[in-house]
PDB file of N, CA and C in Angstrom:
ATOM      1  N   MET A   1     -16.523  35.001   8.131  1.00  0.00           N
ATOM      2  CA  MET A   1     -15.637  33.885   8.509  1.00  0.00           C
ATOM      3  C   MET A   1     -15.921  32.653   7.644  1.00  0.00           C
ATOM      4  N   VAL A   2     -17.189  32.479   7.277  1.00  0.00           N
ATOM      5  CA  VAL A   2     -17.536  31.313   6.453  1.00  0.00           C
ATOM      6  C   VAL A   2     -16.813  31.394   5.115  1.00  0.00           C
ATOM      7  N   GLY A   3     -16.798  32.581   4.519  1.00  0.00           N
ATOM      8  CA  GLY A   3     -16.115  32.744   3.231  1.00  0.00           C
ATOM      9  C   GLY A   3     -14.638  32.408   3.363  1.00  0.00           C
ATOM     10  N   TYR A   4     -14.047  32.787   4.484  1.00  0.00           N
ATOM     11  CA  TYR A   4     -12.623  32.499   4.702  1.00  0.00           C
ATOM     12  C   TYR A   4     -12.404  30.997   4.807  1.00  0.00           C
ATOM     13  N   ASP A   5     -13.304  30.319   5.511  1.00  0.00           N
ATOM     14  CA  ASP A   5     -13.190  28.858   5.666  1.00  0.00           C
ATOM     15  C   ASP A   5     -13.233  28.180   4.304  1.00  0.00           C
ATOM     16  N   LEU A   6     -14.150  28.636   3.440  1.00  0.00           N
ATOM     17  CA  LEU A   6     -14.266  28.036   2.103  1.00  0.00           C
ATOM     18  C   LEU A   6     -12.987  28.268   1.323  1.00  0.00           C
ATOM     19  N   TRP A   7     -12.443  29.485   1.403  1.00  0.00           N
ATOM     20  CA  TRP A   7     -11.209  29.806   0.675  1.00  0.00           C
ATOM     21  C   TRP A   7     -10.058  28.945   1.182  1.00  0.00           C
ATOM     22  N   GLN A   8      -9.989  28.780   2.492  1.00  0.00           N
ATOM     23  CA  GLN A   8      -8.927  27.955   3.085  1.00  0.00           C
ATOM     24  C   GLN A   8      -9.065  26.514   2.609  1.00  0.00           C
ATOM     25  N   GLU A   9     -10.306  26.017   2.563  1.00  0.00           N
ATOM     26  CA  GLU A   9     -10.549  24.630   2.149  1.00  0.00           C
ATOM     27  C   GLU A   9     -10.087  24.433   0.706  1.00  0.00           C
ATOM     28  N   LYS A  10     -10.398  25.394  -0.157  1.00  0.00           N
ATOM     29  CA  LYS A  10      -9.990  25.288  -1.565  1.00  0.00           C
ATOM     30  C   LYS A  10      -8.474  25.282  -1.677  1.00  0.00           C
ATOM     31  N   ARG A  11      -7.824  26.135  -0.893  1.00  0.00           N
ATOM     32  CA  ARG A  11      -6.353  26.212  -0.960  1.00  0.00           C
ATOM     33  C   ARG A  11      -5.737  24.880  -0.529  1.00  0.00           C
ATOM     34  N   VAL A  12      -6.248  24.307   0.541  1.00  0.00           N
ATOM     35  CA  VAL A  12      -5.725  23.024   1.029  1.00  0.00           C
ATOM     36  C   VAL A  12      -5.952  21.939  -0.020  1.00  0.00           C
ATOM     37  N   ALA A  13      -7.132  21.958  -0.647  1.00  0.00           N
ATOM     38  CA  ALA A  13      -7.440  20.950  -1.672  1.00  0.00           C
ATOM     39  C   ALA A  13      -6.456  21.064  -2.831  1.00  0.00           C
ATOM     40  N   LYS A  14      -6.129  22.303  -3.223  1.00  0.00           N
ATOM     41  CA  LYS A  14      -5.177  22.505  -4.329  1.00  0.00           C
ATOM     42  C   LYS A  14      -3.808  21.951  -3.952  1.00  0.00           C
ATOM     43  N   GLN A  15      -3.390  22.188  -2.719  1.00  0.00           N
ATOM     44  CA  GLN A  15      -2.078  21.703  -2.276  1.00  0.00           C
ATOM     45  C   GLN A  15      -2.057  20.179  -2.287  1.00  0.00           C
ATOM     46  N   LYS A  16      -3.152  19.553  -1.862  1.00  0.00           N
ATOM     47  CA  LYS A  16      -3.212  18.084  -1.850  1.00  0.00           C
ATOM     48  C   LYS A  16      -3.135  17.551  -3.276  1.00  0.00           C
ATOM     49  N   MET A  17      -3.818  18.212  -4.197  1.00  0.00           N
ATOM     50  CA  MET A  17      -3.801  17.771  -5.596  1.00  0.00           C
ATOM     51  C   MET A  17      -2.385  17.845  -6.139  1.00  0.00           C
ATOM     52  N   LYS A  18      -1.648  18.888  -5.744  1.00  0.00           N
ATOM     53  CA  LYS A  18      -0.261  19.055  -6.215  1.00  0.00           C
ATOM     54  C   LYS A  18       0.633  17.960  -5.628  1.00  0.00           C
ATOM     55  N   GLN A  19       0.417  17.621  -4.369  1.00  0.00           N
ATOM     56  CA  GLN A  19       1.284  16.663  -3.683  1.00  0.00           C
ATOM     57  C   GLN A  19       0.964  15.222  -4.081  1.00  0.00           C
ATOM     58  N   ALA A  20      -0.290  14.941  -4.417  1.00  0.00           N
ATOM     59  CA  ALA A  20      -0.705  13.563  -4.708  1.00  0.00           C
ATOM     60  C   ALA A  20       0.156  12.912  -5.792  1.00  0.00           C
ATOM     61  N   PRO A  21       0.306  13.518  -6.980  1.00  0.00           N
ATOM     62  CA  PRO A  21       1.101  12.885  -8.045  1.00  0.00           C
ATOM     63  C   PRO A  21       2.544  12.627  -7.610  1.00  0.00           C
ATOM     64  N   ILE A  22       3.104  13.532  -6.831  1.00  0.00           N
ATOM     65  CA  ILE A  22       4.494  13.375  -6.382  1.00  0.00           C
ATOM     66  C   ILE A  22       4.593  12.157  -5.460  1.00  0.00           C
ATOM     67  N   ALA A  23       3.643  12.017  -4.555  1.00  0.00           N
ATOM     68  CA  ALA A  23       3.659  10.895  -3.617  1.00  0.00           C
ATOM     69  C   ALA A  23       3.532   9.579  -4.378  1.00  0.00           C
ATOM     70  N   VAL A  24       2.706   9.558  -5.402  1.00  0.00           N
ATOM     71  CA  VAL A  24       2.496   8.323  -6.174  1.00  0.00           C
ATOM     72  C   VAL A  24       3.763   7.967  -6.938  1.00  0.00           C
ATOM     73  N   SER A  25       4.381   8.954  -7.566  1.00  0.00           N
ATOM     74  CA  SER A  25       5.579   8.678  -8.373  1.00  0.00           C
ATOM     75  C   SER A  25       6.752   8.300  -7.468  1.00  0.00           C
ATOM     76  N   ASP A  26       6.696   8.699  -6.194  1.00  0.00           N
ATOM     77  CA  ASP A  26       7.764   8.352  -5.255  1.00  0.00           C
ATOM     78  C   ASP A  26       7.829   6.842  -5.054  1.00  0.00           C
ATOM     79  N   LYS A  27       6.660   6.212  -5.014  1.00  0.00           N
ATOM     80  CA  LYS A  27       6.611   4.757  -4.804  1.00  0.00           C
ATOM     81  C   LYS A  27       6.946   4.081  -6.117  1.00  0.00           C
TER      82      LYS A  27
END
């Protein structure tokens, strides 16, 4: 389960990185 948690955390971090530039350019 720990390995799954780490994988999930990495996936969420990647999604945030993708969304961050879009949110900034929106303003």
